[in-house]
Amino acid sequence: MTLSAAHPRGGHGWQLILADLALILFLLALSALPAAEAESGRRLADTEARERDALGMLHAEVAPAQALFRPIPGGPSLGAWLAAQGPDPRATLTIFAVHTRGSEAAAWRRARALAAEARASGVAVRAIITAGMHEEVYASLAYDAVIAEVAS
């Protein structure tokens, strides 16, 4: 048995080194991503906080729904439903109106009608109107936390 038979020459040495270097470069780039994303997120949050501070604004965080209202034929009106929930000054009613292309005005009218009914009940109201695959209007009653940004 000769040395060449035990170790065939294939010329794979430089290819393995190149593959190792490529893998090392990939792992280094991958490990740097979370730090870069965190830094860009901090810069964006700092910019938004400065803008809010400059305007003297507060923003609300949309909390998970405590109760959900969907208008159905023969069901209670929004005003009757809100009365059954019990008055709470901490609660905010968010009206969600989802519309398809071309039905933006109709979604706005439905959301505005529900908002007027809710305001008559004395509840804080906001409306969120978005595009979607189907039309839908519903309301979410939640205890949103108002967050005041503190300048640092």
Protein backbone atom coordinates (compact mmCIF):
# COMPACT_ATOMS: atom_id res chain seq x y z
CA MET A 1 0.00 0.00 0.00
CA THR A 2 1.46 3.28 -1.04
CA LEU A 3 0.93 6.68 0.51
CA SER A 4 -1.04 7.91 -2.48
CA ALA A 5 -3.50 5.02 -2.19
CA ALA A 6 -4.17 5.71 1.49
CA HIS A 7 -4.65 9.45 0.98
CA PRO A 8 -5.99 10.19 -2.46
CA ARG A 9 -5.17 13.60 -3.79
CA GLY A 10 -8.38 15.41 -4.53
CA GLY A 11 -7.44 19.03 -4.16
CA HIS A 12 -10.14 19.68 -1.54
CA GLY A 13 -7.97 21.62 0.88
CA TRP A 14 -8.69 25.15 -0.39
CA GLN A 15 -12.40 24.37 -0.84
CA LEU A 16 -12.78 23.26 2.77
CA ILE A 17 -10.93 26.36 4.00
CA LEU A 18 -13.17 28.59 1.88
CA ALA A 19 -16.31 26.80 3.16
CA ASP A 20 -15.12 27.23 6.76
CA LEU A 21 -14.47 30.93 6.22
CA ALA A 22 -17.89 31.40 4.61
CA LEU A 23 -19.54 29.66 7.57
CA ILE A 24 -17.63 31.82 10.05
CA LEU A 25 -18.64 34.99 8.17
CA PHE A 26 -22.28 33.86 8.12
CA LEU A 27 -22.28 33.18 11.87
CA LEU A 28 -20.69 36.53 12.63
CA ALA A 29 -23.26 38.37 10.51
CA LEU A 30 -26.09 36.40 12.12
CA SER A 31 -24.88 37.16 15.64
CA ALA A 32 -24.68 40.90 14.85
CA LEU A 33 -28.33 41.14 13.69
CA PRO A 34 -30.05 41.29 17.10
CA ALA A 35 -27.77 44.08 18.29
CA ALA A 36 -28.34 46.08 15.09
CA GLU A 37 -32.11 45.61 15.28
CA ALA A 38 -32.18 46.63 18.94
CA GLU A 39 -30.13 49.75 18.19
CA SER A 40 -32.35 50.81 15.28
CA GLY A 41 -35.46 50.15 17.42
CA ARG A 42 -34.05 52.31 20.21
CA ARG A 43 -33.30 55.12 17.76
CA LEU A 44 -36.83 54.93 16.33
CA ALA A 45 -38.40 54.89 19.82
CA ASP A 46 -36.22 57.83 20.90
CA THR A 47 -37.26 59.82 17.83
CA GLU A 48 -40.95 59.09 18.42
CA ALA A 49 -40.65 60.02 22.10
CA ARG A 50 -38.99 63.34 21.23
CA GLU A 51 -41.74 64.09 18.71
CA ARG A 52 -44.45 63.34 21.28
CA ASP A 53 -42.66 65.42 23.90
CA ALA A 54 -42.36 68.29 21.46
CA LEU A 55 -46.09 68.13 20.83
CA GLY A 56 -46.94 67.50 24.50
CA MET A 57 -48.92 64.40 23.55
CA LEU A 58 -49.80 61.20 25.34
CA HIS A 59 -50.46 57.96 23.56
CA ALA A 60 -52.71 55.08 24.44
CA GLU A 61 -51.86 51.44 24.36
CA VAL A 62 -54.66 49.25 23.01
CA ALA A 63 -55.35 46.66 25.67
CA PRO A 64 -56.91 43.23 25.16
CA ALA A 65 -60.70 43.31 24.98
CA GLN A 66 -62.66 42.85 28.19
CA ALA A 67 -65.89 42.62 26.19
CA LEU A 68 -66.65 42.45 22.48
CA PHE A 69 -69.72 43.80 20.67
CA ARG A 70 -70.83 42.68 17.21
CA PRO A 71 -74.01 44.16 15.77
CA ILE A 72 -76.38 41.34 14.81
CA PRO A 73 -79.99 41.44 13.63
CA GLY A 74 -82.31 41.19 16.64
CA GLY A 75 -79.44 41.77 19.07
CA PRO A 76 -79.05 44.64 21.52
CA SER A 77 -77.98 48.06 20.34
CA LEU A 78 -74.51 49.29 21.26
CA GLY A 79 -76.02 51.67 23.84
CA ALA A 80 -77.96 48.84 25.51
CA TRP A 81 -74.89 46.60 25.43
CA LEU A 82 -72.73 49.31 27.02
CA ALA A 83 -75.34 49.87 29.75
CA ALA A 84 -75.23 46.14 30.53
CA GLN A 85 -71.42 46.29 30.88
CA GLY A 86 -71.63 48.81 33.71
CA PRO A 87 -70.14 52.29 33.61
CA ASP A 88 -66.40 52.59 34.17
CA PRO A 89 -64.51 55.81 33.43
CA ARG A 90 -61.30 53.82 32.80
CA ALA A 91 -62.85 51.93 29.88
CA THR A 92 -62.33 52.90 26.25
CA LEU A 93 -64.47 51.60 23.40
CA THR A 94 -62.55 50.96 20.20
CA ILE A 95 -64.63 50.57 17.07
CA PHE A 96 -62.98 48.50 14.37
CA ALA A 97 -64.31 48.87 10.83
CA VAL A 98 -62.79 46.64 8.17
CA HIS A 99 -63.61 47.51 4.55
CA THR A 100 -62.93 46.13 1.11
CA ARG A 101 -61.79 48.21 -1.84
CA GLY A 102 -64.40 50.80 -2.73
CA SER A 103 -66.39 50.50 0.52
CA GLU A 104 -64.35 52.96 2.59
CA ALA A 105 -67.20 55.49 2.85
CA ALA A 106 -69.70 52.86 4.02
CA ALA A 107 -67.27 51.58 6.67
CA TRP A 108 -66.70 55.15 7.87
CA ARG A 109 -70.48 55.77 8.11
CA ARG A 110 -71.04 52.59 10.14
CA ALA A 111 -68.13 53.37 12.47
CA ARG A 112 -69.30 56.98 12.90
CA ALA A 113 -72.86 55.81 13.77
CA LEU A 114 -71.55 53.38 16.40
CA ALA A 115 -69.21 56.06 17.80
CA ALA A 116 -72.09 58.53 18.16
CA GLU A 117 -74.16 55.91 19.99
CA ALA A 118 -71.25 55.10 22.31
CA ARG A 119 -70.51 58.77 23.06
CA ALA A 120 -74.17 59.22 23.99
CA SER A 121 -73.60 56.50 26.60
CA GLY A 122 -70.71 58.49 28.07
CA VAL A 123 -67.90 56.14 27.04
CA ALA A 124 -64.57 57.28 25.59
CA VAL A 125 -64.50 56.20 21.95
CA ARG A 126 -61.99 55.82 19.16
CA ALA A 127 -62.32 54.26 15.71
CA ILE A 128 -59.82 52.25 13.71
CA ILE A 129 -60.67 51.77 10.05
CA THR A 130 -58.60 49.35 7.99
CA ALA A 131 -58.67 47.62 4.64
CA GLY A 132 -59.28 43.89 4.60
CA MET A 133 -60.59 40.94 2.64
CA HIS A 134 -64.14 41.22 3.99
CA GLU A 135 -66.33 43.90 5.56
CA GLU A 136 -66.80 43.84 9.30
CA VAL A 137 -67.65 46.25 12.11
CA TYR A 138 -67.27 45.44 15.79
CA ALA A 139 -66.40 47.18 19.06
CA SER A 140 -63.98 46.26 21.81
CA LEU A 141 -64.32 47.53 25.38
CA ALA A 142 -60.97 47.59 27.18
CA TYR A 143 -59.04 49.31 29.92
CA ASP A 144 -56.36 51.08 27.91
CA ALA A 145 -53.38 52.46 29.78
CA VAL A 146 -52.46 56.04 28.97
CA ILE A 147 -48.69 56.26 28.85
CA ALA A 148 -46.95 59.55 29.50
CA GLU A 149 -43.51 59.67 27.93
CA VAL A 150 -40.84 60.91 30.31
CA ALA A 151 -38.00 62.84 28.71
CA SER A 152 -34.66 61.32 29.56
